[in-house]
Amino acid sequence: MRFEPAGAPTWSHMSLERETLLPRNTWLIHFTNEPYSIAKNGFTIGMDDMERLGLTTYFSKEYKSLGGYNFAFLAPSREANWAATKRRYGKSAVMFQNSGISLCR
């Protein structure tokens, strides 16, 4: 039987620390191929199932079109630098400040 990474629950590859909030106005970076759309319209695509949030790149736009959760990296951070170098999550990025977002590791 072949293992599908997108089918694995989020907790299998990251820790969700729901009790920890990032300090208000922390800078975050979200990698995307559609930065101008996000800048103009905000996040219109997302996962409505937090259990599958970690591997959203495996899902189609249609699956994510209902909206919901998105993820971003702390900016600057080692993980953000890695993602920028690999261009795995998108060739561009948007940066924004949070307002009480839960921290996941």
Protein backbone atom coordinates (compact mmCIF):
# COMPACT_ATOMS: atom_id res chain seq x y z
CA MET A 1 0.00 0.00 0.00
CA ARG A 2 1.40 3.40 -0.98
CA PHE A 3 1.58 6.11 1.69
CA GLU A 4 0.07 9.48 0.74
CA PRO A 5 1.75 12.25 2.80
CA ALA A 6 -1.25 14.56 2.43
CA GLY A 7 -3.40 11.95 4.14
CA ALA A 8 -1.26 12.05 7.27
CA PRO A 9 -2.62 14.18 10.10
CA THR A 10 -0.88 17.51 10.73
CA TRP A 11 0.42 16.33 14.11
CA SER A 12 2.50 13.64 12.37
CA HIS A 13 4.92 16.23 10.99
CA MET A 14 4.47 19.32 13.21
CA SER A 15 3.47 20.13 16.76
CA LEU A 16 0.37 22.26 17.24
CA GLU A 17 0.80 24.39 20.35
CA ARG A 18 -2.67 25.91 20.59
CA GLU A 19 -2.02 27.53 23.95
CA THR A 20 0.87 29.65 22.63
CA LEU A 21 0.10 32.85 20.75
CA LEU A 22 2.67 34.79 18.80
CA PRO A 23 3.26 38.30 20.09
CA ARG A 24 0.95 40.76 18.35
CA ASN A 25 2.43 42.33 15.20
CA THR A 26 5.01 39.55 14.66
CA TRP A 27 6.14 39.56 11.02
CA LEU A 28 5.18 36.43 9.08
CA ILE A 29 5.92 35.31 5.52
CA HIS A 30 3.64 33.18 3.34
CA PHE A 31 5.10 31.76 0.11
CA THR A 32 2.84 31.72 -2.94
CA ASN A 33 2.70 31.98 -6.71
CA GLU A 34 -0.07 34.60 -6.42
CA PRO A 35 1.28 37.43 -4.23
CA TYR A 36 -0.62 40.23 -5.97
CA SER A 37 -3.95 38.44 -5.57
CA ILE A 38 -3.31 37.93 -1.85
CA ALA A 39 -2.20 41.55 -1.43
CA LYS A 40 -5.35 42.78 -3.17
CA ASN A 41 -7.98 40.31 -1.90
CA GLY A 42 -6.44 38.70 1.18
CA PHE A 43 -6.31 34.93 1.64
CA THR A 44 -9.21 33.50 -0.35
CA ILE A 45 -7.94 29.91 -0.50
CA GLY A 46 -7.28 27.77 2.56
CA MET A 47 -7.80 24.46 4.29
CA ASP A 48 -10.97 24.13 6.33
CA ASP A 49 -9.54 21.04 8.03
CA MET A 50 -6.71 21.86 10.45
CA GLU A 51 -5.78 18.17 10.51
CA ARG A 52 -4.52 18.56 6.92
CA LEU A 53 -3.02 22.03 7.17
CA GLY A 54 0.63 20.99 7.08
CA LEU A 55 0.73 19.62 3.53
CA THR A 56 -1.64 21.91 1.66
CA THR A 57 0.55 21.85 -1.47
CA TYR A 58 -0.71 18.31 -2.14
CA PHE A 59 -4.30 19.50 -2.51
CA SER A 60 -5.91 21.18 -5.53
CA LYS A 61 -7.17 24.78 -5.54
CA GLU A 62 -10.71 23.46 -5.86
CA TYR A 63 -10.30 21.46 -2.64
CA LYS A 64 -9.03 24.59 -0.84
CA SER A 65 -11.52 27.02 -2.40
CA LEU A 66 -13.86 26.97 0.60
CA GLY A 67 -11.29 28.99 2.53
CA GLY A 68 -10.02 28.37 6.01
CA TYR A 69 -6.58 28.08 7.55
CA ASN A 70 -3.27 29.02 5.93
CA PHE A 71 0.25 28.81 7.24
CA ALA A 72 3.19 31.17 7.28
CA PHE A 73 6.74 31.14 8.57
CA LEU A 74 8.22 33.49 11.12
CA ALA A 75 10.22 36.14 9.28
CA PRO A 76 13.13 35.98 9.51
CA SER A 77 13.73 32.37 10.47
CA ARG A 78 15.80 29.41 9.35
CA GLU A 79 12.63 27.70 8.10
CA ALA A 80 11.60 30.74 6.03
CA ASN A 81 15.08 30.94 4.50
CA TRP A 82 14.92 27.23 3.63
CA ALA A 83 11.48 27.62 2.03
CA ALA A 84 12.65 30.66 0.03
CA THR A 85 15.71 28.80 -1.23
CA LYS A 86 13.78 25.66 -2.20
CA ARG A 87 10.83 27.59 -3.73
CA ARG A 88 8.68 24.64 -2.72
CA TYR A 89 5.67 26.66 -1.57
CA GLY A 90 5.79 29.35 -4.25
CA LYS A 91 8.14 31.55 -6.21
CA SER A 92 7.03 34.73 -4.42
CA ALA A 93 5.90 35.70 -0.96
CA VAL A 94 3.72 38.05 1.03
CA MET A 95 4.71 39.42 4.41
CA PHE A 96 2.24 40.55 7.02
CA GLN A 97 1.95 41.18 10.72
CA ASN A 98 -0.19 38.86 12.79
CA SER A 99 -2.82 39.72 15.34
CA GLY A 100 -2.94 36.79 17.73
CA ILE A 101 -2.09 33.70 15.70
CA SER A 102 -1.39 30.31 17.30
CA LEU A 103 2.19 29.08 17.07
CA CYS A 104 2.85 25.69 15.48
CA ARG A 105 6.25 23.99 15.50
